[in-house]
Amino acid sequence: MAQGSGGDRRERLVALLAAGIAAVLLVSSVTWFASDQAGVGVAQLFLGAVLAGVAAFLYRRATRG
Protein backbone atom coordinates (compact mmCIF):
# COMPACT_ATOMS: atom_id res chain seq x y z
CA MET A 1 0.00 0.00 0.00
CA ALA A 2 1.51 3.29 -1.09
CA GLN A 3 1.93 5.99 1.49
CA GLY A 4 -0.01 9.16 0.61
CA SER A 5 1.13 12.65 1.43
CA GLY A 6 0.25 14.25 4.73
CA GLY A 7 -2.26 16.46 2.94
CA ASP A 8 -4.14 13.43 1.61
CA ARG A 9 -4.36 11.95 5.09
CA ARG A 10 -5.53 15.24 6.57
CA GLU A 11 -8.10 15.69 3.81
CA ARG A 12 -9.40 12.16 4.40
CA LEU A 13 -9.70 12.83 8.15
CA VAL A 14 -11.54 16.11 7.55
CA ALA A 15 -13.88 14.26 5.18
CA LEU A 16 -14.61 11.63 7.82
CA LEU A 17 -15.22 14.33 10.44
CA ALA A 18 -17.63 16.14 8.11
CA ALA A 19 -19.40 12.83 7.39
CA GLY A 20 -19.78 12.18 11.11
CA ILE A 21 -21.21 15.64 11.75
CA ALA A 22 -23.56 15.21 8.77
CA ALA A 23 -24.78 11.87 10.14
CA VAL A 24 -25.51 13.40 13.55
CA LEU A 25 -27.37 16.31 11.95
CA LEU A 26 -29.43 14.03 9.71
CA VAL A 27 -30.36 11.61 12.49
CA SER A 28 -31.12 14.25 15.11
CA SER A 29 -33.28 16.36 12.78
CA VAL A 30 -36.16 14.01 13.56
CA THR A 31 -36.45 15.52 17.04
CA TRP A 32 -37.14 18.97 15.58
CA PHE A 33 -40.01 17.61 13.49
CA ALA A 34 -41.39 15.79 16.52
CA SER A 35 -41.36 19.01 18.57
CA ASP A 36 -43.30 20.96 15.91
CA GLN A 37 -40.32 23.02 14.80
CA ALA A 38 -40.22 21.86 11.20
CA GLY A 39 -38.25 24.91 10.00
CA VAL A 40 -35.29 23.99 12.17
CA GLY A 41 -35.60 20.36 11.07
CA VAL A 42 -35.55 21.32 7.39
CA ALA A 43 -32.54 23.59 7.90
CA GLN A 44 -30.74 20.81 9.75
CA LEU A 45 -31.52 18.31 6.97
CA PHE A 46 -30.23 20.76 4.37
CA LEU A 47 -27.01 21.42 6.28
CA GLY A 48 -26.52 17.69 6.85
CA ALA A 49 -26.95 16.99 3.14
CA VAL A 50 -24.49 19.73 2.20
CA LEU A 51 -21.91 18.42 4.68
CA ALA A 52 -22.40 14.88 3.40
CA GLY A 53 -21.73 16.11 -0.14
CA VAL A 54 -18.61 17.98 0.94
CA ALA A 55 -17.42 14.91 2.83
CA ALA A 56 -17.94 12.68 -0.21
CA PHE A 57 -16.08 15.13 -2.45
CA LEU A 58 -13.13 15.45 -0.07
CA TYR A 59 -12.90 11.72 0.58
CA ARG A 60 -13.02 10.89 -3.14
CA ARG A 61 -10.37 13.53 -3.85
CA ALA A 62 -8.10 12.26 -1.05
CA THR A 63 -8.33 8.60 -2.07
CA ARG A 64 -7.95 9.17 -5.81
CA GLY A 65 -4.83 7.41 -7.00
PDB file of N, CA and C in Angstrom:
ATOM      1  N   MET A   1       0.842  -1.176   0.000  1.00  0.00           N
ATOM      2  CA  MET A   1       0.000   0.000   0.000  1.00  0.00           C
ATOM      3  C   MET A   1       0.889   1.240   0.000  1.00  0.00           C
ATOM      4  N   ALA A   2       0.671   2.102  -0.960  1.00  0.00           N
ATOM      5  CA  ALA A   2       1.507   3.295  -1.090  1.00  0.00           C
ATOM      6  C   ALA A   2       1.131   4.320  -0.033  1.00  0.00           C
ATOM      7  N   GLN A   3       2.128   4.961   0.477  1.00  0.00           N
ATOM      8  CA  GLN A   3       1.930   5.987   1.495  1.00  0.00           C
ATOM      9  C   GLN A   3       1.545   7.293   0.807  1.00  0.00           C
ATOM     10  N   GLY A   4       0.410   7.893   1.184  1.00  0.00           N
ATOM     11  CA  GLY A   4      -0.013   9.162   0.611  1.00  0.00           C
ATOM     12  C   GLY A   4       0.686  10.306   1.321  1.00  0.00           C
ATOM     13  N   SER A   5       0.525  11.477   0.782  1.00  0.00           N
ATOM     14  CA  SER A   5       1.128  12.646   1.426  1.00  0.00           C
ATOM     15  C   SER A   5       0.340  13.002   2.681  1.00  0.00           C
ATOM     16  N   GLY A   6       0.925  13.827   3.517  1.00  0.00           N
ATOM     17  CA  GLY A   6       0.250  14.252   4.735  1.00  0.00           C
ATOM     18  C   GLY A   6      -1.034  15.000   4.445  1.00  0.00           C
ATOM     19  N   GLY A   7      -1.051  15.731   3.327  1.00  0.00           N
ATOM     20  CA  GLY A   7      -2.256  16.463   2.936  1.00  0.00           C
ATOM     21  C   GLY A   7      -3.404  15.532   2.603  1.00  0.00           C
ATOM     22  N   ASP A   8      -3.103  14.412   1.931  1.00  0.00           N
ATOM     23  CA  ASP A   8      -4.141  13.431   1.609  1.00  0.00           C
ATOM     24  C   ASP A   8      -4.742  12.839   2.879  1.00  0.00           C
ATOM     25  N   ARG A   9      -3.883  12.528   3.824  1.00  0.00           N
ATOM     26  CA  ARG A   9      -4.362  11.947   5.086  1.00  0.00           C
ATOM     27  C   ARG A   9      -5.223  12.953   5.842  1.00  0.00           C
ATOM     28  N   ARG A  10      -4.771  14.188   5.883  1.00  0.00           N
ATOM     29  CA  ARG A  10      -5.531  15.245   6.573  1.00  0.00           C
ATOM     30  C   ARG A  10      -6.874  15.467   5.882  1.00  0.00           C
ATOM     31  N   GLU A  11      -6.862  15.487   4.561  1.00  0.00           N
ATOM     32  CA  GLU A  11      -8.099  15.689   3.815  1.00  0.00           C
ATOM     33  C   GLU A  11      -9.080  14.547   4.065  1.00  0.00           C
ATOM     34  N   ARG A  12      -8.557  13.327   4.132  1.00  0.00           N
ATOM     35  CA  ARG A  12      -9.404  12.162   4.402  1.00  0.00           C
ATOM     36  C   ARG A  12     -10.000  12.253   5.806  1.00  0.00           C
ATOM     37  N   LEU A  13      -9.197  12.688   6.785  1.00  0.00           N
ATOM     38  CA  LEU A  13      -9.702  12.827   8.154  1.00  0.00           C
ATOM     39  C   LEU A  13     -10.757  13.925   8.256  1.00  0.00           C
ATOM     40  N   VAL A  14     -10.545  15.037   7.557  1.00  0.00           N
ATOM     41  CA  VAL A  14     -11.541  16.112   7.546  1.00  0.00           C
ATOM     42  C   VAL A  14     -12.834  15.611   6.896  1.00  0.00           C
ATOM     43  N   ALA A  15     -12.702  14.825   5.840  1.00  0.00           N
ATOM     44  CA  ALA A  15     -13.882  14.264   5.182  1.00  0.00           C
ATOM     45  C   ALA A  15     -14.648  13.351   6.127  1.00  0.00           C
ATOM     46  N   LEU A  16     -13.937  12.526   6.874  1.00  0.00           N
ATOM     47  CA  LEU A  16     -14.606  11.633   7.819  1.00  0.00           C
ATOM     48  C   LEU A  16     -15.258  12.412   8.962  1.00  0.00           C
ATOM     49  N   LEU A  17     -14.624  13.479   9.414  1.00  0.00           N
ATOM     50  CA  LEU A  17     -15.218  14.335  10.444  1.00  0.00           C
ATOM     51  C   LEU A  17     -16.505  14.982   9.919  1.00  0.00           C
ATOM     52  N   ALA A  18     -16.441  15.513   8.708  1.00  0.00           N
ATOM     53  CA  ALA A  18     -17.633  16.135   8.112  1.00  0.00           C
ATOM     54  C   ALA A  18     -18.747  15.112   7.931  1.00  0.00           C
ATOM     55  N   ALA A  19     -18.395  13.883   7.552  1.00  0.00           N
ATOM     56  CA  ALA A  19     -19.401  12.830   7.391  1.00  0.00           C
ATOM     57  C   ALA A  19     -20.040  12.490   8.736  1.00  0.00           C
ATOM     58  N   GLY A  20     -19.242  12.451   9.786  1.00  0.00           N
ATOM     59  CA  GLY A  20     -19.783  12.175  11.112  1.00  0.00           C
ATOM     60  C   GLY A  20     -20.730  13.266  11.579  1.00  0.00           C
ATOM     61  N   ILE A  21     -20.347  14.517  11.359  1.00  0.00           N
ATOM     62  CA  ILE A  21     -21.212  15.635  11.747  1.00  0.00           C
ATOM     63  C   ILE A  21     -22.502  15.605  10.922  1.00  0.00           C
ATOM     64  N   ALA A  22     -22.371  15.296   9.635  1.00  0.00           N
ATOM     65  CA  ALA A  22     -23.556  15.214   8.774  1.00  0.00           C
ATOM     66  C   ALA A  22     -24.498  14.117   9.259  1.00  0.00           C
ATOM     67  N   ALA A  23     -23.948  12.975   9.656  1.00  0.00           N
ATOM     68  CA  ALA A  23     -24.780  11.872  10.143  1.00  0.00           C
ATOM     69  C   ALA A  23     -25.535  12.277  11.407  1.00  0.00           C
ATOM     70  N   VAL A  24     -24.851  12.949  12.313  1.00  0.00           N
ATOM     71  CA  VAL A  24     -25.505  13.396  13.548  1.00  0.00           C
ATOM     72  C   VAL A  24     -26.622  14.393  13.227  1.00  0.00           C
ATOM     73  N   LEU A  25     -26.343  15.331  12.323  1.00  0.00           N
ATOM     74  CA  LEU A  25     -27.368  16.310  11.950  1.00  0.00           C
ATOM     75  C   LEU A  25     -28.580  15.637  11.307  1.00  0.00           C
ATOM     76  N   LEU A  26     -28.329  14.694  10.415  1.00  0.00           N
ATOM     77  CA  LEU A  26     -29.432  14.035   9.715  1.00  0.00           C
ATOM     78  C   LEU A  26     -30.273  13.185  10.666  1.00  0.00           C
ATOM     79  N   VAL A  27     -29.620  12.472  11.568  1.00  0.00           N
ATOM     80  CA  VAL A  27     -30.356  11.606  12.492  1.00  0.00           C
ATOM     81  C   VAL A  27     -31.110  12.426  13.536  1.00  0.00           C
ATOM     82  N   SER A  28     -30.486  13.487  14.040  1.00  0.00           N
ATOM     83  CA  SER A  28     -31.119  14.254  15.112  1.00  0.00           C
ATOM     84  C   SER A  28     -32.170  15.233  14.605  1.00  0.00           C
ATOM     85  N   SER A  29     -32.268  15.432  13.305  1.00  0.00           N
ATOM     86  CA  SER A  29     -33.275  16.361  12.784  1.00  0.00           C
ATOM     87  C   SER A  29     -34.692  15.867  13.065  1.00  0.00           C
ATOM     88  N   VAL A  30     -34.843  14.578  13.276  1.00  0.00           N
ATOM     89  CA  VAL A  30     -36.161  14.013  13.559  1.00  0.00           C
ATOM     90  C   VAL A  30     -36.759  14.642  14.818  1.00  0.00           C
ATOM     91  N   THR A  31     -35.931  14.952  15.789  1.00  0.00           N
ATOM     92  CA  THR A  31     -36.446  15.521  17.043  1.00  0.00           C
ATOM     93  C   THR A  31     -37.070  16.896  16.820  1.00  0.00           C
ATOM     94  N   TRP A  32     -36.555  17.655  15.854  1.00  0.00           N
ATOM     95  CA  TRP A  32     -37.142  18.969  15.583  1.00  0.00           C
ATOM     96  C   TRP A  32     -38.526  18.824  14.963  1.00  0.00           C
ATOM     97  N   PHE A  33     -38.689  17.838  14.088  1.00  0.00           N
ATOM     98  CA  PHE A  33     -40.005  17.612  13.492  1.00  0.00           C
ATOM     99  C   PHE A  33     -40.989  17.125  14.551  1.00  0.00           C
ATOM    100  N   ALA A  34     -40.523  16.310  15.470  1.00  0.00           N
ATOM    101  CA  ALA A  34     -41.392  15.791  16.521  1.00  0.00           C
ATOM    102  C   ALA A  34     -41.830  16.883  17.498  1.00  0.00           C
ATOM    103  N   SER A  35     -41.019  17.930  17.645  1.00  0.00           N
ATOM    104  CA  SER A  35     -41.363  19.011  18.573  1.00  0.00           C
ATOM    105  C   SER A  35     -42.017  20.195  17.852  1.00  0.00           C
ATOM    106  N   ASP A  36     -42.582  19.946  16.690  1.00  0.00           N
ATOM    107  CA  ASP A  36     -43.304  20.964  15.913  1.00  0.00           C
ATOM    108  C   ASP A  36     -42.455  22.176  15.548  1.00  0.00           C
ATOM    109  N   GLN A  37     -41.192  21.954  15.290  1.00  0.00           N
ATOM    110  CA  GLN A  37     -40.315  23.023  14.802  1.00  0.00           C
ATOM    111  C   GLN A  37     -39.719  22.561  13.470  1.00  0.00           C
ATOM    112  N   ALA A  38     -40.593  22.421  12.486  1.00  0.00           N
ATOM    113  CA  ALA A  38     -40.216  21.863  11.196  1.00  0.00           C
ATOM    114  C   ALA A  38     -39.185  22.724  10.474  1.00  0.00           C
ATOM    115  N   GLY A  39     -39.214  24.034  10.678  1.00  0.00           N
ATOM    116  CA  GLY A  39     -38.246  24.912  10.005  1.00  0.00           C
ATOM    117  C   GLY A  39     -36.824  24.580  10.401  1.00  0.00           C
ATOM    118  N   VAL A  40     -36.623  24.347  11.693  1.00  0.00           N
ATOM    119  CA  VAL A  40     -35.289  23.987  12.169  1.00  0.00           C
ATOM    120  C   VAL A  40     -34.906  22.613  11.631  1.00  0.00           C
ATOM    121  N   GLY A  41     -35.867  21.697  11.595  1.00  0.00           N
ATOM    122  CA  GLY A  41     -35.603  20.362  11.070  1.00  0.00           C
ATOM    123  C   GLY A  41     -35.200  20.382   9.603  1.00  0.00           C
ATOM    124  N   VAL A  42     -35.880  21.197   8.815  1.00  0.00           N
ATOM    125  CA  VAL A  42     -35.554  21.317   7.389  1.00  0.00           C
ATOM    126  C   VAL A  42     -34.169  21.923   7.210  1.00  0.00           C
ATOM    127  N   ALA A  43     -33.866  22.962   7.992  1.00  0.00           N
ATOM    128  CA  ALA A  43     -32.540  23.585   7.905  1.00  0.00           C
ATOM    129  C   ALA A  43     -31.447  22.595   8.288  1.00  0.00           C
ATOM    130  N   GLN A  44     -31.720  21.792   9.303  1.00  0.00           N
ATOM    131  CA  GLN A  44     -30.738  20.808   9.748  1.00  0.00           C
ATOM    132  C   GLN A  44     -30.551  19.714   8.691  1.00  0.00           C
ATOM    133  N   LEU A  45     -31.635  19.292   8.063  1.00  0.00           N
ATOM    134  CA  LEU A  45     -31.520  18.315   6.973  1.00  0.00           C
ATOM    135  C   LEU A  45     -30.707  18.874   5.815  1.00  0.00           C
ATOM    136  N   PHE A  46     -30.963  20.130   5.470  1.00  0.00           N
ATOM    137  CA  PHE A  46     -30.233  20.765   4.374  1.00  0.00           C
ATOM    138  C   PHE A  46     -28.743  20.841   4.691  1.00  0.00           C
ATOM    139  N   LEU A  47     -28.416  21.317   5.893  1.00  0.00           N
ATOM    140  CA  LEU A  47     -27.010  21.420   6.280  1.00  0.00           C
ATOM    141  C   LEU A  47     -26.347  20.049   6.328  1.00  0.00           C
ATOM    142  N   GLY A  48     -27.052  19.044   6.813  1.00  0.00           N
ATOM    143  CA  GLY A  48     -26.518  17.687   6.849  1.00  0.00           C
ATOM    144  C   GLY A  48     -26.237  17.153   5.444  1.00  0.00           C
ATOM    145  N   ALA A  49     -27.143  17.436   4.519  1.00  0.00           N
ATOM    146  CA  ALA A  49     -26.948  16.986   3.138  1.00  0.00           C
ATOM    147  C   ALA A  49     -25.762  17.692   2.487  1.00  0.00           C
ATOM    148  N   VAL A  50     -25.623  18.985   2.746  1.00  0.00           N
ATOM    149  CA  VAL A  50     -24.490  19.733   2.196  1.00  0.00           C
ATOM    150  C   VAL A  50     -23.175  19.189   2.757  1.00  0.00           C
ATOM    151  N   LEU A  51     -23.129  18.967   4.066  1.00  0.00           N
ATOM    152  CA  LEU A  51     -21.911  18.421   4.679  1.00  0.00           C
ATOM    153  C   LEU A  51     -21.600  17.021   4.164  1.00  0.00           C
ATOM    154  N   ALA A  52     -22.621  16.213   3.940  1.00  0.00           N
ATOM    155  CA  ALA A  52     -22.402  14.877   3.395  1.00  0.00           C
ATOM    156  C   ALA A  52     -21.808  14.965   1.985  1.00  0.00           C
ATOM    157  N   GLY A  53     -22.284  15.914   1.192  1.00  0.00           N
ATOM    158  CA  GLY A  53     -21.730  16.113  -0.142  1.00  0.00           C
ATOM    159  C   GLY A  53     -20.284  16.576  -0.105  1.00  0.00           C
ATOM    160  N   VAL A  54     -19.991  17.505   0.787  1.00  0.00           N
ATOM    161  CA  VAL A  54     -18.613  17.980   0.943  1.00  0.00           C
ATOM    162  C   VAL A  54     -17.709  16.841   1.396  1.00  0.00           C
ATOM    163  N   ALA A  55     -18.198  16.044   2.334  1.00  0.00           N
ATOM    164  CA  ALA A  55     -17.417  14.909   2.827  1.00  0.00           C
ATOM    165  C   ALA A  55     -17.133  13.910   1.709  1.00  0.00           C
ATOM    166  N   ALA A  56     -18.134  13.618   0.905  1.00  0.00           N
ATOM    167  CA  ALA A  56     -17.943  12.684  -0.206  1.00  0.00           C
ATOM    168  C   ALA A  56     -16.924  13.223  -1.208  1.00  0.00           C
ATOM    169  N   PHE A  57     -17.023  14.519  -1.512  1.00  0.00           N
ATOM    170  CA  PHE A  57     -16.085  15.135  -2.448  1.00  0.00           C
ATOM    171  C   PHE A  57     -14.653  15.070  -1.912  1.00  0.00           C
ATOM    172  N   LEU A  58     -14.473  15.457  -0.659  1.00  0.00           N
ATOM    173  CA  LEU A  58     -13.129  15.453  -0.069  1.00  0.00           C
ATOM    174  C   LEU A  58     -12.555  14.048   0.031  1.00  0.00           C
ATOM    175  N   TYR A  59     -13.383  13.099   0.431  1.00  0.00           N
ATOM    176  CA  TYR A  59     -12.896  11.725   0.579  1.00  0.00           C
ATOM    177  C   TYR A  59     -12.497  11.147  -0.780  1.00  0.00           C
ATOM    178  N   ARG A  60     -13.325  11.396  -1.788  1.00  0.00           N
ATOM    179  CA  ARG A  60     -13.023  10.895  -3.136  1.00  0.00           C
ATOM    180  C   ARG A  60     -11.726  11.535  -3.654  1.00  0.00           C
ATOM    181  N   ARG A  61     -11.575  12.822  -3.401  1.00  0.00           N
ATOM    182  CA  ARG A  61     -10.366  13.527  -3.851  1.00  0.00           C
ATOM    183  C   ARG A  61      -9.118  13.026  -3.131  1.00  0.00           C
ATOM    184  N   ALA A  62      -9.250  12.713  -1.838  1.00  0.00           N
ATOM    185  CA  ALA A  62      -8.097  12.260  -1.048  1.00  0.00           C
ATOM    186  C   ALA A  62      -7.691  10.842  -1.404  1.00  0.00           C
ATOM    187  N   THR A  63      -8.646  10.015  -1.796  1.00  0.00           N
ATOM    188  CA  THR A  63      -8.326   8.604  -2.067  1.00  0.00           C
ATOM    189  C   THR A  63      -8.067   8.332  -3.544  1.00  0.00           C
ATOM    190  N   ARG A  64      -8.200   9.359  -4.376  1.00  0.00           N
ATOM    191  CA  ARG A  64      -7.948   9.171  -5.806  1.00  0.00           C
ATOM    192  C   ARG A  64      -6.468   8.845  -6.022  1.00  0.00           C
ATOM    193  N   GLY A  65      -6.213   7.851  -6.793  1.00  0.00           N
ATOM    194  CA  GLY A  65      -4.825   7.410  -7.000  1.00  0.00           C
ATOM    195  C   GLY A  65      -4.283   7.872  -8.254  1.00  0.00           C
TER     196      GLY A  65
END
